[in-house]
Structures are given as structure tokens and as C-alpha cells.
Amino acid sequence: MDYPQTLTYLFSKLPMFSRIGAAAYRSDLVNTIKLSEFLDKPEHRFRSVHVAGTNGKGSTSHMLAAIFQSAGYRTGLYTSPHLKDFRERIKVNGQMIREDFVTDFVRRIRPLSEEIDPSFFEVTVAMAFDYFAQEQVDIAIVEVGLGGRLDSTNIILPELSVITNIGYDHINLLGDTLPKIAFEKAGIIKKGVPVVIGEYHPETAPVFEQRAREEEAPLVYADRQRFVSDWKYERHHLVAEVTASPVSDDKVYYNLDLSGIYQTRNLLTVLEAVCLTRDKTCSNLKGALDPRTSLRYGMIC
């Protein structure tokens, strides 16, 4: 198959959530694990940050990827869905996955695909992990597709887990209460891996804290570490004033080209994630993470 034929196969032959809805959702990781084993477990060959949440996980993922890339890391980014081009889902240092890799990957896994009937999302996750491994990324920012506990991305063991916030989404699959939905999102919390929760909520906090205790995972709420004390618009950018407490005079200004006011919440999550990964990850890799570096996407300066 050439590249257009490969896309036709991906979009039409594989179960796809945006096309057929809940019927495409797989309530286990069986197919993902089979694909991983077929590919010699590529997710074991790169470091990662795992990002879940109801809202903001895409923006948070892009900002984190920009910070790592700006610091000199070879950075992978997996997000979904795409806007115009399928290859938007899988990037290394801001560059989309090559067409020839997509075609070759589908050709390689097609015999297994015909046998196990994976979903579109299961295949794209496996493709991303295989690409990141072959491209030898230093770190990959991996956005959860749906939920967390049973999401195909949840076979990674990340350096850090991030959960942006919890709201009512996909209640037919994740549950009809905030604690039930939080339970599914909390499934990305791993043994001993630090976790950043973007926003404290009294209904979901006990769920996250229980899971963190079970996994002995250090947990922190981003919105209790820093505060957005003021904000304004300048030349189509959002300028956020961040302090360590609501009454602190020690202010740091961040300039975001993601201009929605809700990005201030994502900013606090990103800042705490950078704070936690700076020591742990940079002790094993090159460079230093500085959230005030000018970034190509989601500029923070």
C-alpha cells in the first residue's frame, strides 16, 4: 500500500471511536500488549511523561513538549485527535511522523492486525511508541486518549504522571459521578512515580490520594503550589502573573500564545510538572528545564 491507501486502511478498516462511538472502545489492554510484544516493547526504550484529564491535557502536553525541546531534549509528542493531518498525532521535535514510516509500520503489523482486530487508537499508540523508540527520543510526552486506567497509552512507566482536572466526560464509559471518573483517570498513577494533579476538588481528591498511597506515589496539587494573581492580554498573548501565595510580592510573569483564560490553570500544572521533572529527569539526561525559556508553542518567558 502507498500512503493514501494506508490511511484508507487505518480510517476505514479499523474500529475508530469518532466513527462508530463506544463500540471502538476496548475495555482492556490485551491488544495493546500484543502489539507491544510484537514490536519488542518499544515503550521500554524511552522516558516519558503521561498526561490525563478531562480538559487541558492537550495544551498541557504541547507546553511540556515545547519546554523539553527548548531545553535540548529530543522530544516525542503523542496527542489525539488530529485536526487536518493524521501525522499530527505523532511528532518528534515538532516534526510530524514520516509518511514512509506510517506505511511501513502498517505493513509490518498487518498480519497481527488481521488476527487480533485492534482498534484505530490501539494501532496509533503502538505506532507512536515504535516511532519514538526508533527515533531515539530522550523523552516523550504521551497524552491519554480516553480515561486512563484502560487507555492504550497506559502500558508506559513514566517519569511523571499528570492529571489536569476532572469533569463529566464519556460518562457512559467512565462513570456517571466525578469520583468514578477520577478512579479511571487515577489508573495512570504508577508505583513510586510522582503525580501532579492540576486542580484540587473535594470529590475527587480522596480517590487520587487513595491511589497514590497504594502505589507509594508522591502526589501534589498544582493549584496549591502557585497562584495566578493577575492576568492581562498583550498583543494577542495571555500574560499571567504567578506567585507562590495569594499575598506574595514575589511575582513571575509568563507570556502564553495560547490565549484562553483557562490556560492559566494549565500553566500552573505545567510549572509544577517542570519543577518535579527538573531534578529527576535531568539527572539522567542532558540540559536543564527552564519554564521561562521562549518556546515555539505555548511560549513561556
C-alpha atoms as a PDB file:
ATOM      1  CA  MET A   1       0.000   0.000   0.000  1.00  0.00           C
ATOM      2  CA  ASP A   2       1.099   3.567  -0.639  1.00  0.00           C
ATOM      3  CA  TYR A   3       0.474   6.293   1.941  1.00  0.00           C
ATOM      4  CA  PRO A   4      -3.093   7.258   0.833  1.00  0.00           C
ATOM      5  CA  GLN A   5      -4.055   3.564   0.756  1.00  0.00           C
ATOM      6  CA  THR A   6      -2.541   3.119   4.206  1.00  0.00           C
ATOM      7  CA  LEU A   7      -4.666   5.961   5.581  1.00  0.00           C
ATOM      8  CA  THR A   8      -7.755   4.451   3.995  1.00  0.00           C
ATOM      9  CA  TYR A   9      -6.962   1.184   5.732  1.00  0.00           C
ATOM     10  CA  LEU A  10      -6.448   2.910   9.088  1.00  0.00           C
ATOM     11  CA  PHE A  11      -9.614   5.001   8.870  1.00  0.00           C
ATOM     12  CA  SER A  12     -11.993   2.511   7.290  1.00  0.00           C
ATOM     13  CA  LYS A  13     -10.852  -0.961   8.323  1.00  0.00           C
ATOM     14  CA  LEU A  14     -10.054  -0.396  11.995  1.00  0.00           C
ATOM     15  CA  PRO A  15     -12.685   0.387  14.651  1.00  0.00           C
ATOM     16  CA  MET A  16     -12.485   4.147  15.241  1.00  0.00           C
ATOM     17  CA  PHE A  17     -14.168   5.961  18.139  1.00  0.00           C
ATOM     18  CA  SER A  18     -15.011   9.106  16.176  1.00  0.00           C
ATOM     19  CA  ARG A  19     -16.740   6.981  13.516  1.00  0.00           C
ATOM     20  CA  ILE A  20     -18.579   4.257  15.457  1.00  0.00           C
ATOM     21  CA  GLY A  21     -18.501   5.544  19.033  1.00  0.00           C
ATOM     22  CA  ALA A  22     -18.285   3.315  22.102  1.00  0.00           C
ATOM     23  CA  ALA A  23     -18.095   0.142  20.003  1.00  0.00           C
ATOM     24  CA  ALA A  24     -14.470   1.076  19.217  1.00  0.00           C
ATOM     25  CA  TYR A  25     -13.533   1.316  22.913  1.00  0.00           C
ATOM     26  CA  ARG A  26     -11.620  -1.677  24.217  1.00  0.00           C
ATOM     27  CA  SER A  27     -12.042  -2.239  27.956  1.00  0.00           C
ATOM     28  CA  ASP A  28      -8.665  -3.903  28.429  1.00  0.00           C
ATOM     29  CA  LEU A  29      -5.047  -3.631  27.320  1.00  0.00           C
ATOM     30  CA  VAL A  30      -4.827  -7.071  25.700  1.00  0.00           C
ATOM     31  CA  ASN A  31      -4.414  -5.893  22.096  1.00  0.00           C
ATOM     32  CA  THR A  32      -2.043  -3.098  23.077  1.00  0.00           C
ATOM     33  CA  ILE A  33       0.172  -5.550  24.940  1.00  0.00           C
ATOM     34  CA  LYS A  34       0.145  -7.966  21.975  1.00  0.00           C
ATOM     35  CA  LEU A  35       1.169  -5.163  19.625  1.00  0.00           C
ATOM     36  CA  SER A  36       3.878  -4.085  22.052  1.00  0.00           C
ATOM     37  CA  GLU A  37       5.287  -7.593  22.310  1.00  0.00           C
ATOM     38  CA  PHE A  38       5.231  -7.967  18.524  1.00  0.00           C
ATOM     39  CA  LEU A  39       7.281  -4.756  18.283  1.00  0.00           C
ATOM     40  CA  ASP A  40       9.711  -5.826  21.059  1.00  0.00           C
ATOM     41  CA  LYS A  41       8.213  -3.498  23.678  1.00  0.00           C
ATOM     42  CA  PRO A  42       9.273  -0.110  22.268  1.00  0.00           C
ATOM     43  CA  GLU A  43       7.777   1.766  25.257  1.00  0.00           C
ATOM     44  CA  HIS A  44      10.677   0.435  27.358  1.00  0.00           C
ATOM     45  CA  ARG A  45      13.223   2.287  25.211  1.00  0.00           C
ATOM     46  CA  PHE A  46      12.377   5.907  26.022  1.00  0.00           C
ATOM     47  CA  ARG A  47      11.444   8.012  29.029  1.00  0.00           C
ATOM     48  CA  SER A  48       8.018   9.589  29.196  1.00  0.00           C
ATOM     49  CA  VAL A  49       5.554  11.896  30.924  1.00  0.00           C
ATOM     50  CA  HIS A  50       1.946  10.661  30.956  1.00  0.00           C
ATOM     51  CA  VAL A  51      -0.853  13.261  30.793  1.00  0.00           C
ATOM     52  CA  ALA A  52      -4.528  12.563  31.523  1.00  0.00           C
ATOM     53  CA  GLY A  53      -7.545  14.691  32.452  1.00  0.00           C
ATOM     54  CA  THR A  54     -10.920  15.838  31.239  1.00  0.00           C
ATOM     55  CA  ASN A  55      -9.829  19.222  29.854  1.00  0.00           C
ATOM     56  CA  GLY A  56      -6.466  20.807  29.190  1.00  0.00           C
ATOM     57  CA  LYS A  57      -4.416  17.675  28.642  1.00  0.00           C
ATOM     58  CA  GLY A  58      -3.672  18.587  25.025  1.00  0.00           C
ATOM     59  CA  SER A  59      -2.472  22.101  25.831  1.00  0.00           C
ATOM     60  CA  THR A  60      -0.505  20.799  28.818  1.00  0.00           C
ATOM     61  CA  SER A  61       1.135  18.129  26.669  1.00  0.00           C
ATOM     62  CA  HIS A  62       2.148  20.637  23.978  1.00  0.00           C
ATOM     63  CA  MET A  63       3.581  23.074  26.521  1.00  0.00           C
ATOM     64  CA  LEU A  64       5.590  20.346  28.249  1.00  0.00           C
ATOM     65  CA  ALA A  65       6.914  19.090  24.924  1.00  0.00           C
ATOM     66  CA  ALA A  66       7.959  22.635  23.980  1.00  0.00           C
ATOM     67  CA  ILE A  67       9.822  23.080  27.277  1.00  0.00           C
ATOM     68  CA  PHE A  68      11.715  19.798  26.939  1.00  0.00           C
ATOM     69  CA  GLN A  69      12.589  20.503  23.313  1.00  0.00           C
ATOM     70  CA  SER A  70      13.745  24.024  24.134  1.00  0.00           C
ATOM     71  CA  ALA A  71      15.985  22.577  26.853  1.00  0.00           C
ATOM     72  CA  GLY A  72      17.764  20.432  24.282  1.00  0.00           C
ATOM     73  CA  TYR A  73      15.970  17.110  24.664  1.00  0.00           C
ATOM     74  CA  ARG A  74      14.953  15.106  21.628  1.00  0.00           C
ATOM     75  CA  THR A  75      11.249  15.133  22.418  1.00  0.00           C
ATOM     76  CA  GLY A  76       8.403  12.940  21.250  1.00  0.00           C
ATOM     77  CA  LEU A  77       4.778  14.046  21.486  1.00  0.00           C
ATOM     78  CA  TYR A  78       1.712  11.846  21.141  1.00  0.00           C
ATOM     79  CA  THR A  79      -1.706  13.544  21.140  1.00  0.00           C
ATOM     80  CA  SER A  80      -5.173  12.900  19.758  1.00  0.00           C
ATOM     81  CA  PRO A  81      -7.277  13.574  17.830  1.00  0.00           C
ATOM     82  CA  HIS A  82      -5.679  15.286  14.839  1.00  0.00           C
ATOM     83  CA  LEU A  83      -7.112  18.376  13.142  1.00  0.00           C
ATOM     84  CA  LYS A  84      -6.104  18.092   9.475  1.00  0.00           C
ATOM     85  CA  ASP A  85      -3.342  15.520   9.068  1.00  0.00           C
ATOM     86  CA  PHE A  86      -3.182  12.082  10.706  1.00  0.00           C
ATOM     87  CA  ARG A  87       0.537  12.635  11.293  1.00  0.00           C
ATOM     88  CA  GLU A  88      -0.199  15.481  13.724  1.00  0.00           C
ATOM     89  CA  ARG A  89      -0.733  12.794  16.362  1.00  0.00           C
ATOM     90  CA  ILE A  90       2.911  11.700  16.425  1.00  0.00           C
ATOM     91  CA  LYS A  91       5.764  14.212  16.433  1.00  0.00           C
ATOM     92  CA  VAL A  92       9.461  14.345  17.267  1.00  0.00           C
ATOM     93  CA  ASN A  93      10.871  17.804  17.976  1.00  0.00           C
ATOM     94  CA  GLY A  94       7.754  19.320  16.444  1.00  0.00           C
ATOM     95  CA  GLN A  95       8.076  17.414  13.174  1.00  0.00           C
ATOM     96  CA  MET A  96       5.288  15.049  12.159  1.00  0.00           C
ATOM     97  CA  ILE A  97       5.947  11.342  11.717  1.00  0.00           C
ATOM     98  CA  ARG A  98       7.207  10.465   8.231  1.00  0.00           C
ATOM     99  CA  GLU A  99       4.735   9.093   5.698  1.00  0.00           C
ATOM    100  CA  ASP A 100       7.052   6.203   4.839  1.00  0.00           C
ATOM    101  CA  PHE A 101       7.190   5.155   8.498  1.00  0.00           C
ATOM    102  CA  VAL A 102       3.382   5.102   8.704  1.00  0.00           C
ATOM    103  CA  THR A 103       3.168   2.944   5.590  1.00  0.00           C
ATOM    104  CA  ASP A 104       5.938   0.585   6.668  1.00  0.00           C
ATOM    105  CA  PHE A 105       4.509   0.247  10.186  1.00  0.00           C
ATOM    106  CA  VAL A 106       1.049  -0.727   8.952  1.00  0.00           C
ATOM    107  CA  ARG A 107       2.615  -3.224   6.558  1.00  0.00           C
ATOM    108  CA  ARG A 108       4.673  -4.802   9.364  1.00  0.00           C
ATOM    109  CA  ILE A 109       1.808  -5.207  11.810  1.00  0.00           C
ATOM    110  CA  ARG A 110      -0.918  -6.076   9.297  1.00  0.00           C
ATOM    111  CA  PRO A 111      -0.691  -9.882   9.792  1.00  0.00           C
ATOM    112  CA  LEU A 112      -1.127  -9.416  13.557  1.00  0.00           C
ATOM    113  CA  SER A 113      -3.785  -6.766  12.974  1.00  0.00           C
ATOM    114  CA  GLU A 114      -5.850  -9.154  10.877  1.00  0.00           C
ATOM    115  CA  GLU A 115      -5.579 -11.699  13.679  1.00  0.00           C
ATOM    116  CA  ILE A 116      -6.445  -9.604  16.745  1.00  0.00           C
ATOM    117  CA  ASP A 117      -8.607  -6.836  15.163  1.00  0.00           C
ATOM    118  CA  PRO A 118      -7.162  -3.871  17.093  1.00  0.00           C
ATOM    119  CA  SER A 119      -8.877  -0.508  17.255  1.00  0.00           C
ATOM    120  CA  PHE A 120      -7.605   2.551  15.385  1.00  0.00           C
ATOM    121  CA  PHE A 121      -6.364   4.017  18.658  1.00  0.00           C
ATOM    122  CA  GLU A 122      -4.532   0.850  19.703  1.00  0.00           C
ATOM    123  CA  VAL A 123      -2.660   0.844  16.395  1.00  0.00           C
ATOM    124  CA  THR A 124      -1.770   4.554  16.526  1.00  0.00           C
ATOM    125  CA  VAL A 125      -0.440   4.240  20.080  1.00  0.00           C
ATOM    126  CA  ALA A 126       1.737   1.288  19.064  1.00  0.00           C
ATOM    127  CA  MET A 127       2.900   3.278  16.023  1.00  0.00           C
ATOM    128  CA  ALA A 128       3.853   6.249  18.209  1.00  0.00           C
ATOM    129  CA  PHE A 129       5.817   4.143  20.671  1.00  0.00           C
ATOM    130  CA  ASP A 130       7.639   2.305  17.885  1.00  0.00           C
ATOM    131  CA  TYR A 131       8.488   5.611  16.199  1.00  0.00           C
ATOM    132  CA  PHE A 132       9.752   7.211  19.411  1.00  0.00           C
ATOM    133  CA  ALA A 133      11.959   4.178  20.083  1.00  0.00           C
ATOM    134  CA  GLN A 134      13.405   4.142  16.566  1.00  0.00           C
ATOM    135  CA  GLU A 135      13.944   7.910  16.635  1.00  0.00           C
ATOM    136  CA  GLN A 136      15.740   7.510  19.973  1.00  0.00           C
ATOM    137  CA  VAL A 137      13.878  10.303  21.734  1.00  0.00           C
ATOM    138  CA  ASP A 138      15.157  11.388  25.124  1.00  0.00           C
ATOM    139  CA  ILE A 139      11.626  11.802  26.417  1.00  0.00           C
ATOM    140  CA  ALA A 140       8.086  11.539  25.083  1.00  0.00           C
ATOM    141  CA  ILE A 141       5.027  13.430  26.284  1.00  0.00           C
ATOM    142  CA  VAL A 142       2.141  10.983  25.963  1.00  0.00           C
ATOM    143  CA  GLU A 143      -1.456  12.204  26.143  1.00  0.00           C
ATOM    144  CA  VAL A 144      -4.134   9.758  27.268  1.00  0.00           C
ATOM    145  CA  GLY A 145      -6.908   9.198  24.755  1.00  0.00           C
ATOM    146  CA  LEU A 146      -9.875   8.318  26.962  1.00  0.00           C
ATOM    147  CA  GLY A 147      -9.920   7.741  30.707  1.00  0.00           C
ATOM    148  CA  GLY A 148      -6.581   6.389  31.821  1.00  0.00           C
ATOM    149  CA  ARG A 149      -6.746   3.027  33.574  1.00  0.00           C
ATOM    150  CA  LEU A 150      -7.666   1.086  30.423  1.00  0.00           C
ATOM    151  CA  ASP A 151      -6.300   3.533  27.861  1.00  0.00           C
ATOM    152  CA  SER A 152      -3.827   2.031  25.400  1.00  0.00           C
ATOM    153  CA  THR A 153      -1.158   4.550  26.439  1.00  0.00           C
ATOM    154  CA  ASN A 154      -1.184   3.106  29.961  1.00  0.00           C
ATOM    155  CA  ILE A 155       1.479   0.490  29.249  1.00  0.00           C
ATOM    156  CA  ILE A 156       4.242   3.060  29.805  1.00  0.00           C
ATOM    157  CA  LEU A 157       6.119   3.555  33.068  1.00  0.00           C
ATOM    158  CA  PRO A 158       6.625   7.329  33.043  1.00  0.00           C
ATOM    159  CA  GLU A 159       8.923   9.668  34.907  1.00  0.00           C
ATOM    160  CA  LEU A 160       5.848  11.655  35.949  1.00  0.00           C
ATOM    161  CA  SER A 161       2.072  11.285  35.776  1.00  0.00           C
ATOM    162  CA  VAL A 162      -0.074  14.393  35.248  1.00  0.00           C
ATOM    163  CA  ILE A 163      -3.857  14.654  35.662  1.00  0.00           C
ATOM    164  CA  THR A 164      -5.067  18.100  34.638  1.00  0.00           C
ATOM    165  CA  ASN A 165      -8.621  18.152  36.029  1.00  0.00           C
ATOM    166  CA  ILE A 166     -11.782  16.066  36.309  1.00  0.00           C
ATOM    167  CA  GLY A 167     -15.158  16.804  34.756  1.00  0.00           C
ATOM    168  CA  TYR A 168     -18.083  14.879  33.318  1.00  0.00           C
ATOM    169  CA  ASP A 169     -16.851  13.253  30.120  1.00  0.00           C
ATOM    170  CA  HIS A 170     -17.737   9.955  28.442  1.00  0.00           C
ATOM    171  CA  ILE A 171     -19.973   9.063  31.374  1.00  0.00           C
ATOM    172  CA  ASN A 172     -21.254   6.004  29.515  1.00  0.00           C
ATOM    173  CA  LEU A 173     -17.735   4.578  29.628  1.00  0.00           C
ATOM    174  CA  LEU A 174     -16.029   6.189  32.623  1.00  0.00           C
ATOM    175  CA  GLY A 175     -18.874   6.530  35.121  1.00  0.00           C
ATOM    176  CA  ASP A 176     -21.625   8.985  35.998  1.00  0.00           C
ATOM    177  CA  THR A 177     -20.021  10.627  39.046  1.00  0.00           C
ATOM    178  CA  LEU A 178     -16.816  12.622  39.486  1.00  0.00           C
ATOM    179  CA  PRO A 179     -15.278  10.011  41.856  1.00  0.00           C
ATOM    180  CA  LYS A 180     -15.938   7.234  39.314  1.00  0.00           C
ATOM    181  CA  ILE A 181     -14.355   9.257  36.539  1.00  0.00           C
ATOM    182  CA  ALA A 182     -11.442  10.159  38.818  1.00  0.00           C
ATOM    183  CA  PHE A 183     -10.906   6.445  39.519  1.00  0.00           C
ATOM    184  CA  GLU A 184     -10.396   5.810  35.807  1.00  0.00           C
ATOM    185  CA  LYS A 185      -8.033   8.781  35.433  1.00  0.00           C
ATOM    186  CA  ALA A 186      -6.129   7.733  38.571  1.00  0.00           C
ATOM    187  CA  GLY A 187      -5.298   4.485  36.817  1.00  0.00           C
ATOM    188  CA  ILE A 188      -2.237   6.151  35.282  1.00  0.00           C
ATOM    189  CA  ILE A 189      -0.656   6.582  38.731  1.00  0.00           C
ATOM    190  CA  LYS A 190       2.223   4.095  38.927  1.00  0.00           C
ATOM    191  CA  LYS A 191       4.323   2.588  41.710  1.00  0.00           C
ATOM    192  CA  GLY A 192       6.676   5.245  43.082  1.00  0.00           C
ATOM    193  CA  VAL A 193       6.078   7.651  40.184  1.00  0.00           C
ATOM    194  CA  PRO A 194       5.299  11.249  41.233  1.00  0.00           C
ATOM    195  CA  VAL A 195       1.921  12.603  40.164  1.00  0.00           C
ATOM    196  CA  VAL A 196       0.740  16.173  39.615  1.00  0.00           C
ATOM    197  CA  ILE A 197      -2.985  16.836  39.953  1.00  0.00           C
ATOM    198  CA  GLY A 198      -3.824  20.108  38.250  1.00  0.00           C
ATOM    199  CA  GLU A 199      -6.808  21.125  40.367  1.00  0.00           C
ATOM    200  CA  TYR A 200      -7.917  20.144  43.855  1.00  0.00           C
ATOM    201  CA  HIS A 201     -11.566  19.088  44.075  1.00  0.00           C
ATOM    202  CA  PRO A 202     -13.121  17.768  47.302  1.00  0.00           C
ATOM    203  CA  GLU A 203     -14.997  14.982  45.480  1.00  0.00           C
ATOM    204  CA  THR A 204     -12.026  13.629  43.560  1.00  0.00           C
ATOM    205  CA  ALA A 205      -9.132  14.294  45.946  1.00  0.00           C
ATOM    206  CA  PRO A 206      -9.840  11.210  48.135  1.00  0.00           C
ATOM    207  CA  VAL A 207      -9.741   9.000  45.033  1.00  0.00           C
ATOM    208  CA  PHE A 208      -6.378  10.330  43.896  1.00  0.00           C
ATOM    209  CA  GLU A 209      -4.901  10.276  47.381  1.00  0.00           C
ATOM    210  CA  GLN A 210      -6.006   6.685  48.000  1.00  0.00           C
ATOM    211  CA  ARG A 211      -4.473   5.530  44.724  1.00  0.00           C
ATOM    212  CA  ALA A 212      -1.252   7.445  45.431  1.00  0.00           C
ATOM    213  CA  ARG A 213      -0.965   5.824  48.872  1.00  0.00           C
ATOM    214  CA  GLU A 214      -1.485   2.361  47.386  1.00  0.00           C
ATOM    215  CA  GLU A 215       1.229   2.996  44.790  1.00  0.00           C
ATOM    216  CA  GLU A 216       3.526   4.922  47.170  1.00  0.00           C
ATOM    217  CA  ALA A 217       3.494   7.721  44.607  1.00  0.00           C
ATOM    218  CA  PRO A 218       4.266  11.282  45.782  1.00  0.00           C
ATOM    219  CA  LEU A 219       1.249  13.477  44.980  1.00  0.00           C
ATOM    220  CA  VAL A 220       0.974  17.249  44.698  1.00  0.00           C
ATOM    221  CA  TYR A 221      -1.824  19.618  43.679  1.00  0.00           C
ATOM    222  CA  ALA A 222      -0.535  22.237  41.241  1.00  0.00           C
ATOM    223  CA  ASP A 223      -3.092  24.871  42.241  1.00  0.00           C
ATOM    224  CA  ARG A 224      -1.882  24.695  45.853  1.00  0.00           C
ATOM    225  CA  GLN A 225       1.756  25.334  44.959  1.00  0.00           C
ATOM    226  CA  ARG A 226       1.349  28.508  42.902  1.00  0.00           C
ATOM    227  CA  PHE A 227      -1.349  31.057  42.198  1.00  0.00           C
ATOM    228  CA  VAL A 228      -2.280  33.213  39.237  1.00  0.00           C
ATOM    229  CA  SER A 229      -2.617  36.548  40.997  1.00  0.00           C
ATOM    230  CA  ASP A 230      -3.426  38.571  37.875  1.00  0.00           C
ATOM    231  CA  TRP A 231      -3.571  38.323  34.097  1.00  0.00           C
ATOM    232  CA  LYS A 232      -3.961  40.522  31.050  1.00  0.00           C
ATOM    233  CA  TYR A 233      -3.865  40.403  27.253  1.00  0.00           C
ATOM    234  CA  GLU A 234      -0.957  41.889  25.334  1.00  0.00           C
ATOM    235  CA  ARG A 235      -0.739  41.661  21.545  1.00  0.00           C
ATOM    236  CA  HIS A 236      -2.959  38.580  21.376  1.00  0.00           C
ATOM    237  CA  HIS A 237      -0.945  36.840  24.099  1.00  0.00           C
ATOM    238  CA  LEU A 238      -2.089  35.994  27.608  1.00  0.00           C
ATOM    239  CA  VAL A 239       0.270  37.343  30.276  1.00  0.00           C
ATOM    240  CA  ALA A 240      -0.157  35.567  33.618  1.00  0.00           C
ATOM    241  CA  GLU A 241       1.240  36.834  36.891  1.00  0.00           C
ATOM    242  CA  VAL A 242       2.206  33.879  39.085  1.00  0.00           C
ATOM    243  CA  THR A 243       3.059  33.984  42.782  1.00  0.00           C
ATOM    244  CA  ALA A 244       3.902  31.424  45.454  1.00  0.00           C
ATOM    245  CA  SER A 245       0.944  32.531  47.584  1.00  0.00           C
ATOM    246  CA  PRO A 246      -2.097  34.792  47.153  1.00  0.00           C
ATOM    247  CA  VAL A 247      -0.368  37.594  49.121  1.00  0.00           C
ATOM    248  CA  SER A 248       3.204  37.175  47.880  1.00  0.00           C
ATOM    249  CA  ASP A 249       5.036  40.120  46.327  1.00  0.00           C
ATOM    250  CA  ASP A 250       7.437  37.779  44.510  1.00  0.00           C
ATOM    251  CA  LYS A 251       5.892  37.670  41.034  1.00  0.00           C
ATOM    252  CA  VAL A 252       6.878  35.849  37.854  1.00  0.00           C
ATOM    253  CA  TYR A 253       5.269  36.703  34.515  1.00  0.00           C
ATOM    254  CA  TYR A 254       4.530  34.121  31.835  1.00  0.00           C
ATOM    255  CA  ASN A 255       3.567  35.017  28.291  1.00  0.00           C
ATOM    256  CA  LEU A 256       1.348  32.428  26.586  1.00  0.00           C
ATOM    257  CA  ASP A 257       0.372  32.402  22.938  1.00  0.00           C
ATOM    258  CA  LEU A 258      -2.439  30.047  23.993  1.00  0.00           C
ATOM    259  CA  SER A 259      -4.694  32.921  24.926  1.00  0.00           C
ATOM    260  CA  GLY A 260      -7.780  31.350  26.537  1.00  0.00           C
ATOM    261  CA  ILE A 261      -8.103  32.374  30.181  1.00  0.00           C
ATOM    262  CA  TYR A 262      -8.448  28.716  31.182  1.00  0.00           C
ATOM    263  CA  GLN A 263      -4.806  28.299  30.107  1.00  0.00           C
ATOM    264  CA  THR A 264      -3.821  29.859  33.429  1.00  0.00           C
ATOM    265  CA  ARG A 265      -4.905  26.600  35.088  1.00  0.00           C
ATOM    266  CA  ASN A 266      -2.885  24.573  32.603  1.00  0.00           C
ATOM    267  CA  LEU A 267       0.086  26.868  33.204  1.00  0.00           C
ATOM    268  CA  LEU A 268       0.130  26.041  36.931  1.00  0.00           C
ATOM    269  CA  THR A 269       0.026  22.338  36.093  1.00  0.00           C
ATOM    270  CA  VAL A 270       2.918  22.692  33.644  1.00  0.00           C
ATOM    271  CA  LEU A 271       5.022  24.690  36.100  1.00  0.00           C
ATOM    272  CA  GLU A 272       4.648  22.051  38.806  1.00  0.00           C
ATOM    273  CA  ALA A 273       5.361  19.254  36.341  1.00  0.00           C
ATOM    274  CA  VAL A 274       8.564  21.009  35.271  1.00  0.00           C
ATOM    275  CA  CYS A 275       9.517  21.507  38.914  1.00  0.00           C
ATOM    276  CA  LEU A 276       9.163  17.782  39.657  1.00  0.00           C
ATOM    277  CA  THR A 277      10.883  16.553  36.497  1.00  0.00           C
ATOM    278  CA  ARG A 278      13.768  19.027  36.619  1.00  0.00           C
ATOM    279  CA  ASP A 279      15.733  17.077  39.229  1.00  0.00           C
ATOM    280  CA  LYS A 280      14.599  13.531  38.473  1.00  0.00           C
ATOM    281  CA  THR A 281      14.834  13.535  34.692  1.00  0.00           C
ATOM    282  CA  CYS A 282      17.719  15.931  34.200  1.00  0.00           C
ATOM    283  CA  SER A 283      19.911  13.853  36.475  1.00  0.00           C
ATOM    284  CA  ASN A 284      19.727  11.157  33.796  1.00  0.00           C
ATOM    285  CA  LEU A 285      19.653  13.341  30.673  1.00  0.00           C
ATOM    286  CA  LYS A 286      21.343  16.437  29.366  1.00  0.00           C
ATOM    287  CA  GLY A 287      20.212  20.001  29.739  1.00  0.00           C
ATOM    288  CA  ALA A 288      18.121  21.837  32.294  1.00  0.00           C
ATOM    289  CA  LEU A 289      14.423  22.593  32.222  1.00  0.00           C
ATOM    290  CA  ASP A 290      13.618  26.284  32.491  1.00  0.00           C
ATOM    291  CA  PRO A 291       9.938  27.224  32.121  1.00  0.00           C
ATOM    292  CA  ARG A 292      10.892  30.834  31.385  1.00  0.00           C
ATOM    293  CA  THR A 293      12.639  29.855  28.165  1.00  0.00           C
ATOM    294  CA  SER A 294      10.981  31.196  24.993  1.00  0.00           C
ATOM    295  CA  LEU A 295       9.030  28.349  23.450  1.00  0.00           C
ATOM    296  CA  ARG A 296       7.875  27.764  19.911  1.00  0.00           C
ATOM    297  CA  TYR A 297       4.457  26.520  21.086  1.00  0.00           C
ATOM    298  CA  GLY A 298       2.800  27.845  24.201  1.00  0.00           C
ATOM    299  CA  MET A 299       5.576  30.393  24.709  1.00  0.00           C
ATOM    300  CA  ILE A 300       6.588  30.857  28.324  1.00  0.00           C
ATOM    301  CA  CYS A 301       9.078  33.626  29.004  1.00  0.00           C
END
